[in-house]
Structures are given as C-alpha cells and as structure tokens.
Amino acid sequence: DPNYETLKREFKRLYENCNSVKNSLLSYTSYIKELYLSPNSIYNSLTQFYDNQHPLSKYSSSILQLIDAQIKNWEINEFNGHYQKILDYSLSIDQIHSTIQKVDRLSSEVNNEQKKSEYIHLKSSLFNETSQLFDNKAECFEKPLINIQLSFNNLIQSVHSILNNSSPLLQTHINNQNNHILNLYPNNDFLNKPVHNHLDGPSTITQQPSPSLVKQPLRPNPPISSPIQQQPPQRQQQQQRPYKPNTKLNKLQVWQTIPENIQNQFIRKATFTALDGIDLYKVNLVEVTDPNEVVQFEPISQRDIDIYLRPTDKLNFDTPEFEQFIQENGFYPKQFEDGSMEKFESTSHTSKLSQLTAPTKQEQLHHINRSQYQNQPQQLNPPKPLQQINKSPIQQQLKTSPIQKPPLQQQQQRPVSAPSKPAASETKSGFSLFKKSAESIQKLKFHKIPPLDQLVDHHEYHKFFWDNKRYKLVKTYNGSVSVNYDFTLKYKPNTKLSTLQVWQTIPETIQNQFIRKATFTVLDGNNNSIIDLPSIVDSSHQKLFCFKYNPFQHPNKLHFICRANFEVDLYKVNLVEVTDPNEVVQFEPISQRDIDIYLRPTEKLNYDTPEFEQFIQENGFYPKQFEDGSMESVLCFAYRIYLFQLKNFTYKYPHTLSGKPIETFKAKYGDCGCHSFFFTSIMRYNNIPTRLLFGRGANLNNNSDPQWHVKTDIYLDQVGWVPMDVTCKDFNGPHTHLIGNDSGDHITFGMDYLTDIQDLSKYSPFPSFQLMNMIHFGHNVELESTSHTSKLSQLTAPTKQDQFSHINQSQYQQLHIQTIGQKSQPTVLQQQQQPQQQQQQQQQQQRSTPQPASQRPVSFHQQQPVPNRTVPTQQQPVSQRPQEKDSSFSNSISSFLSNATKSLNISNNGLPSKIHVDQLINDHNLHKKLWDKRFKLVKKYNYSVSTLYTKKIIFSPDSKLNEIKFYMGIPLNINNQQVRYSSFTLHDSNDQCISQASIVKSLVHDCYLLAYKPNPGQVDRELTWKYRVDVDFYTVTAEEVTNPNEQIDFDPISEKEIDLYLRPSDKMKFDTPEFEQFIFENNLYPKQFDDGTMESVLCFAYRVSLFIYKNIQYKNPYSHNGDPISTFKAGHGDCGCHSWLFGSILRYNNIPVRLLYGRGGLLDKPGDKQIHIKNQFYVEGLGFVPYDGAFKDGNPYHKKYFAHDIGSHVTTGLDIYTDIEGRKNEFSFQNPAYFYIGNVKIESSEEKYDVFKL
C-alpha cells in the first residue's frame, strides 16, 4: 500500500524530530540548573570555601537563593504547563507508533478472517488518528515550544538581572581572615646539632612562638581594586617590613575640610593626604579718595548671616555670663557726646533726580552682566508723569510727582557700591546692617534637637518645624513598572464547586501613580488556557474586576489562576514650603463623598466606641489648646502621633493581632497594617480625613519579595493629600523625613476599605484589597493550596509631555474600560507578540506625524540624520530691503543702521570679500569659519524711551454696553530691554481714568486685564485705553571669545520655555505632512558631514536665514494668509511672515524660538505705529540669539541682522497667548485684545503711538 508507506515515512520523521526536541529541551533545562545550582557550581564552591561574612560568600549565597527561587517560579508558572502539552502530544505519538507496529504484525496474518477484519479497522483508524496528529502539531507542540523558548528568554533575563543586582555585595568590605600561621616562625635549632648521616637529622620540627621577636602588625585589608605600584615589583619584594608594635585597629576615620576660595586665597588643588598649591593674597582696607570711584564688594547672603552670627561651643556668647562680661567691659557700640553712635562703617546709594535720564553706568553694567532676569510684580498704580514732554495727552493725564529711576534688582551677581556720605546717627539696635532673620533666631533657639522621649510632647519644636508656613505638594517622576499578580486556587479532587467569585480592584490614578493599563483574566491552572474574562462592578468608591465561575459552562475545573496585570507610572510626592507670597498653589480638592468615606469607622478602624473615646482622652490623642488660645495644627498633631508610634511601637511580622488600634496600643508591636490602622483611627476620630493605601512596593531589586505594604495619606486644607508612612522608622532627628514625603515606590491597589460590593459585602462588610477577595460554595469544598505571587518588570518612561500633564493635575481622570473582551488579557503567545506590534504602530505614527516637542531633544547631535535630498528650489530675485511706501518704520531702521559705525565682532579672516548668496547658502565650510567658534552675547546700553500707545473707541448712540474687557501683555525684562515702568488704563471722554488694569495669570506670561462695567444709564460713548511702557534699550551682539579660560554667563532655559517655544500655532503650522515635505524638498534640516559631525545650531540657523533672504521679499500688506507654506509659495511677506517662517523651520528641528511682538522705539518717526515682529532662538551655552529676517542688509555675508539686535524694539508680547477668556484664539499682544457684552456697535476708532526720549 503506497499510501500506507507514505504515512509511515512522514510519521517516522515526525516521531524522531519530536522526541529529539523533547530530549534536547530536558537537557537544556537540566543544563541551566546545573550551571548555577549543582554542587560543583562556582557559587556552591565559594559558599563552602569562605565564611558567611565574606563578600564572595554573601554574593554566592544570594545568587543561589534567588536563582533557585526564580527557576522554581519559572517552572511552575511558565514551563510546566507548556511542557505538559508537549508530553501529551508525545504520548499521542507513542500511541500511534505502537499502532503502526501492531498493523505491521497483523499484515502477515490477513489470511485469518478475524485478524483481517482487525487489520482493516485498525489501519483505517490509524490514517484518521495520524492525520489528526499532524493537524494538532501547531497547537499542541509548536505553540507550547514557542512559548517555552520565550520563557527561556525571560528566565535568562531574570538571571542576568539577579547577577547584576547582587553585584554590589562584591564591593563590600573584606574582613580580616584568621591567619593560622601569624604567630609561627621557623625553628632552625636542628642545624646546630651534628648530623652523622642522613638518618641522624631531626625527625620532626616543633612549632612554637618566638619569645624574642615582636609580633608584626596585621596586614591591611586587600583593596577592591589593585593598588598602583609606586616601585618595580622586584624592588618591592626586596624590602623588609620593619617590626612595629602590634596595633589592632577596628575602625579609623579622619576628617579634613576642603578649603574654599575666599578673598585672600585661591585653592589650586586639594587632596585628602596633603594640601598644596594655595595662592595667598594680601587683603588691605584702603581708603577711597576718589569720590567718583565705583567700589565692588562681596555680597553676603542670609545664609551666611545666620551662620556667622550663630553661637557654638567655643563661641558661646548666648549665655547670661557672657552678657555680663560684655556690659562690664564696654564691648558694645559707644554713644558720643554729640549724640552719634559708634557705627559699623558701610556704604549706601543716595541719589536725587529731577528728571528721567539715562541709566547709570552701574545699572548698565548690572544689566549687561546678568544671566537671569528677575521680573518684579507690576505695581498697579496710576501712570506716572513724564517731564519735559510737550504732549498734551500726557500732560492732561499725568500731573503727579516725577518718575524715579527704578532701583537695581535685589539679586545681583556683581554688586557695586557707590560713594556715600556718612550715615546719620543710629541707635544701638541699628548698629549693624546685618540682622539675624526670624528663622535664624528660631534655629538658634532650636539648634539642639532633644531626644525622641522629649520631642514627642515638645510642642514648641513641633510649631517650629511645621507652623506659620505655606505648603504645596511637588510631584516628580520616579519610574514605570508592570506588576503581574497571580492568585492561585487549587481544590482537592472530591470538590464539587457550585459558586466561585473573585474580585480585584482596578487601581486608581492618584497623585503618586498614573495607571496606564489594568487587565484581569482567569486561567486554567492545568494548561494556562483562558477560562473566562471578568465583568466590571461598582463599590462605594472604586471599581472592581469580578470573575464568576460557571460550572455548567466549564465543568470539573478545580485549578484556577486569577491573573491581574497593571502598568503604572510612579511619582514622588514631597511637601515643600512655599516661600513666594505671590505664588498660587494648586491643590487637589476633596469631595463630600471622600470626606464621608475617609472619616467613617470600619471593622478595624473602630474608633466610634466608648472604649476608644476613653483611650483617646487618657492618652491625650487630640489636638491641644495652648495657653495663648491657639490650637495645635493638623501637621503638628499628626507629627506628634507619628513620634509616639516611633517611640513606643516596634515592627513585627507575622503576628497574631487583629489590627484594631487598642490591641496594637497594648501590644506595642505590629506590621504596617497595625501601624497604619492605629494612626488612621486617631486621625479620623479627630475629624481629619485619612485614607489607607493598600498595595505593594515597586522595588525592582527585590523582585522575589511580594513587598505587600499599607500606608496613609491625610488631607490638609489648601494643600491636598499629604503622604504619611507611619510604619517605617526614621530615627534621625527631628524624624520628619517620612512626614509629607512619598518616595514614589508604592503601587496602590485598594483605596481604603470598600463597601457596597454585590455578593461580597454580605460576607465581608469592609474588605481591603491588598490581595484579591473571593467566596466559594459547593459540595465538599476543600482547598488543597492557595498562593499569592507578584512580579515586577520595568517599563519605558512616559514622555515628558505625559509626565508634565500628570504632575500639573489636581484632579485625576480614572482609567475607563468600556469593554473587556480580548483587550483584557491576550493569550500567552499573543502577549509576546504585542510589544513588536506596538513598536511597528509607533514607527508608523512617527513616519506619518511629527514627533511631539516633549519627545524631541533640543540639540541636533541627539537626532538621526535626515537623508540628503536634492530637489530644485524656487528661484527668487535678491531683495536688499523693503521698498513699499507703507514701510516707513522698516526704512527708518535701515537708515538708522546705515549710520551705525559698529559691526559684529566676528573674525572674517581668510574669507572672500564678495560672494553671491546662491554660493554662500550651501558653502558649509564658510559657515563653519563664521560660526563654529566660541561666542558670548554682549549687551550694551543704547538709549531710553517712554512709549504711549492709545486708542479711542466711539460707540454708536444706540449701543448698550454691559461690560468690556481689554487684555494686554506685561512687558518683560529680556536681554535687549529693561522695563522701568508700565501701565494700562481706561479713560472716559473727559480723559478721567475710570479703570486700572489688574494682573492675571496665563500659561505663557502674566498679562494685564482692564475690565469696565458702566453704571446703568451712565454709558460713555467714548472710551480710550492708554498703554505706557518706559524702557531702556540694549544692543545684543554675538562676540567671539578668544580667551579659552573665560567663563561665559548665559540665560538658562526652563522646561516650560522649551515646551512653549517648540509648540506649533496657527501661524507656525510645522506639524503637517505638507510642511514636512517642504522641509525635505529644501534641505532645511541639519546636515551630517562626511566626517560624521553634525551641522551646529548657529550654522544651521544662519543657513535658514540665508534661505529666507534669498527666497522671501519684504512686502506689506501681503497677499496670502501668512503661514509658512503660503509665504514660501508667494515669495513675499511682512515682518510677521519672515518671523513665522524662520520660527517654524527651527521649531520643527527642535530649536526653541520665541517671537518678540511689539513696536519700534525710534524717535524720529512721529505718527508711525512702528509695528514689528522678530525672533530669538536658543543656543545652549550662549542664550537667546537675536534674528530679524525682515531686514535685508547688503553686506556679502548678510549677517548684520543675524546674532545682532540693534536695541530699539519694545517687546510687549513674548510669543503667543492661547488661554485668554477661555478661548482657543491666539493673541500676540502687539495690540490689546478686547471683548464686550451687550448690544454694541463701534462707530469709529482712532489709534496713536508716541515715543519720547528719556
């Protein structure tokens, strides 16, 4: 039978292959075990050779224990189930193999009718069974084998992780080993005896200590790394160690301060063994004879004042004895006959101005040398008058005192002192300029923290630590983990289940965790197949997964694995003092539902009994009322209870306590639950909402430990949920580390005790969900075993944008699971394929849409190079400068610049004197010669102006105005301007001020809000707003730094600014496929050169400026919508179009760019509104570099407006505002934005812009 022969041939191949694979699988598994766990393994050998305290023994013991547990866990959870499938399949193969042998035997007996019938029947069934065997191979043999291979990968990764995590044990100290021959020395007495033959020598050599020799000192411990030999090895071997007294040191510690640079010394080098290279300087107090000399001096901080006014053990001037000594010897400032006091000499600034003039040289130097700009809160006073300005609108409006020059900012990097006259006589209390702060006085009073026994009830210390302060909760990202939690139930064989229900909470997003994903699945413990998926049920305040076993649908199931998986981003939470009185603190509100839940008693928190009330009263566990009538604050009270627990309770697990607070109090011990229940009961009794967080730790280095833990949060009004881990012990005074600090390593499963759970609450009224809860019923229900196991794995961090979103939330949106289905728990094989599918989807998304700014680095060298593409670009005639009639402001600036005598301080040596822009734009070597240097931004004072921008609005007679609001930007101090004064006011038809602006918050910067509600029946048809800015202008120029040792001060950039200045907008639409194509077609991305280097930020920005110079002409008005693509296609645009195009290209390439919206400050253009926009882009190590692309200079390299600001622009809006009045509109605040309520029709309006010299 040829068909039968084919069957036998194919089956034989399958039989041999499957058996070979099965045997290899067992061999490989045994090999892994033998490698680490066999008696002859390196780890067992090391544990046998070294004592328990040796690093090699500790390391090996840890490896053996962890790997043994890991392999057992792997066999139970990952290997055995799949291997059983392979064994079952192999058993089927063996049965068919036996059938084939039987068919072959019967073929020789077919003459017998009975044998013939058996032969035919057996052969027919053989074909069916063999065909079925081949059909089942993929499901019953290959898939289990794939999953075993994947589990091998997981096992090997886990083993590698164990080896890495245990490696710190190898770096611990090596204790001195017992030297058994330390006291032995050679005995050569036998040499003095005559030896007659070779048999007369001594038969033994006795070993005894020498009484005449001094014992050699113990050798030092071997270092972890080999010491550097100072001499050749041969030389070292020849040296003899001198005999010294046998000194045995158990521990030696030596401290030496690291000397600091102060005015009379400069430290070149400091080592632990010696100090060398100190430059010493003479310091002399010299009289200043020149009254105009500006004296620089070293400032003193409040910290230094506190330190150098404090008492110490040697400087104990804070005693009554020392005070008497001072009085007796007259060691205090004297009062002279003329009434003046002996005083501490100092300098001060005195100046009087009758009119506004240019800033002093000190102020100019102060601003020029600053690297961070402090913008003082705007004072909402009426506008101040201008002197010597013959402009009627201002004179009619402003008639008060003259404008005073603003004082220098308080935070100065290089303080200077001006000559001053002797100060007036001062009292004794005003002798010194430097006073101890109130905080330092308290610190002096409490600089010695009492022991814990005294600190528990020391309320003055409690107040010092916690009271009279404002707080906020600061969240920072810590890490991301995935936790797999298995609850295994195995019933005895005679069990007949009728009901089995298992509940698992869906973790909630709270301040210290963000839940990415939550799934729950129930598997058959025999083969890991899915039995069923859960439903979602509600409780009093948290949703749960619920699994209900259906014995009719899945009969005879006795082995269940309830598997939950959660993916969590973890955040640290710290209670931080708010020092800025103007800071607005966001906090998480508390609902009435949460108040009710987190103040209620439960079975464990049974504080509503007479016994508990008596316990509270007897122990004083309630807020105290002090002699001055004040009450103990919530933080002080919680701190006191924590100190009580720290002093009196110890941690013990396991224990036999119920966890009720009075029982814990009597026992004086308990686990984390007992500690937390005790603390929570006292807090709730005193009406302080307190929640219990049931869950587990997230320490990846301790993955074999389930890390079950309970901790607490208390709610503090105007702050939020303050973390309190009252179980952990902080024995370092003042024991405040665990108050208000969450280390971001706890995964919360259950939020306190739950109630109102269908089918469960009647059996367990207040279940907690640190572990899964279950109920079961049936006939002869008896569990053979149960277990709770959990395992952590690390996840990739969320994007900066996602982190920022969670950190700045005060209300949290919970995970919404609409359907469960296959999304809840994929099969094992699908689960292994899922990350690859997600990666492919992410790659597709990255190819189709630009990457978010938070995911993109801010520097080029971190990016992958973009492929070089050569596409013909649009040719445009070169334009030298704007030629339109209505561009008077642009022409005026060009005229102003043509008369300027100073140019950029950039060396152009070796560069051609003339070069066409078509050649220059792609000459990267020339770009490098120009810009691949070390630069600094140099600021120089230019001049000062006062600008007044007014607009009169006339409403039609039938208008009915209910309310009108005007918004306008508050001008900020940036590198090219220093704002002296600004105001925004509203005036009626008689020029009377009827409203002054308030300051409102915005996502970008603060802005002015001018609101006006007319009285009924008194509507003025004429309203005029006036916006005034007094400003000092500074030129900003990139100068080459030739001194390699020069330190450069530059403006830092914050995360908020990075996000703001990398975002797209309506005018900067760089996040579209069309813009991406535009970038590639015109090579507008940083180049990677042949030597592997990338084009620098300055070179790239310069090339973009040349691209705009070549392709875009200045034209106002323009004939398109102003977005970058329209500007490029049209080939023209005004200053805004140039700025938006430049900003879009750079932002697309991850270079922060800010737009400076405002007006010019030229004095010779009356009537010109001077509206203008320009750019500044950020370069790390340099700061915000100016660029004004609307102006076309005629020099060969076209860099007159690149990296150079002419210092004549009033910036009123820094970039785009998008959150005004809750609208999605974008406002630049070149002009005020206004909104009105009512039936209003504007009849006419009139604008005016004036600039006056200061």
Foldseek 3Di string as FASTA:
>chain_A
DVVVVVLVVVLVVVLVVLVVVLVVVVVVLVVVCCQQPNCPHPLVVQLVPDDCLFLSNVLSVLLNVVLVVLSVVCCQPQQVLLSVLSVVLNVLSVVLVVLVVVLVVLVVVCVDVVSVVVNVVSVVVSVVSSVVSVVCCCVRPVVSVVSVVVSVVVSVVVSVLSSVLSVVSNQDFGDDDDDPCQQWDFDPVQVVDDDPDPVRGDPDGDTDGDPPDARAEDDDGQHSDHDDDPDDPVVVVPDDDDGDHHDDDPDDDDDDDDDDDDDFWDQPDDDPVDGDDIHGHDDDDDDDPDQFDKAWDDDDDLVNLLVVPFADPVRPCPDPVNVVVCVVVVVAWDQDPVRFIRADDDFDDDDDDQADFFDDPQQQVQLQPDFADDFDDADQDQDAAHPPDPDVLRVVQHDDGHDDFDDHDPDTDTDIGHHDDDDTGDDRVPRDPRDNDPLSVVCSVCVDPDALVVLLPPVVVLCNVDNPFDKAKFKDWDFKKKKKKKKKFAWDQVFFFDKKKWKFFDFWDDQFKDWPDKFKFKAQSNNRHTPDGFDWFDFLPTIMTMDIDHCVVPNSGGIMIIIMMIIMTGMKIFMDTDPDPPDQHDAADDDPSLLPVQLDADPQLPCPDPVNVVVCVVVVLEWDQDPVRDTHDPLSSLLSVLSVLLVQAEEDPPDDDPLRQVRCVVVRYYHQSNQASNSSSSCSVRSWRKKKFWAAFQDQSPFQDRRTHIFMWTQDPPHYTFTARSRDHDNPPPRCPRTRIDPGGTGGGFIHWIADTPPPCVVPGTDTRNDMDMDIDGPPTDTPDIDMHMGMDGDDDDFPVVSVVSSPDNDGDTDDDDDRPCVRDPRSVVVVCVVVVVVVVVVVVVVAWPDALSRDDQFQVVDDFDDADEADDDFDDFDFADDDPLVVLRVVVVVVVVPDDDFAQWDPPPHDQFDDLVVVLPPLVSLCSGPVAAKAKGKGWDFKKKKKKKKKFFWDPPFDFFKKKKKFFDFGDDSFKDWRHKWKFKAAPSRHTDWTWDWDDFLPGIITMTMDGDDPPDDGRMMMMMIMIIMTGMKIFIHGDPDPPDAYRHHDDDPSLLNQQLDADPQQPCTHPVNVVVCNNVVLEWHQDPVRDIDGPLSSLLSVLSVLSRQEAEDPPDDDDLHQVVRNVRSYHHQSSSASNSSNSSSSRNWGKKKFWAAWQDAPDFFRRRTHIWMWTQDPSHYTFTARSNHRHDGNSRCRRGSIDPTTTRGTFIHWTQCPPNHRDTDRNNDMDMDTDTRIDTPDMDMGMHMGGD
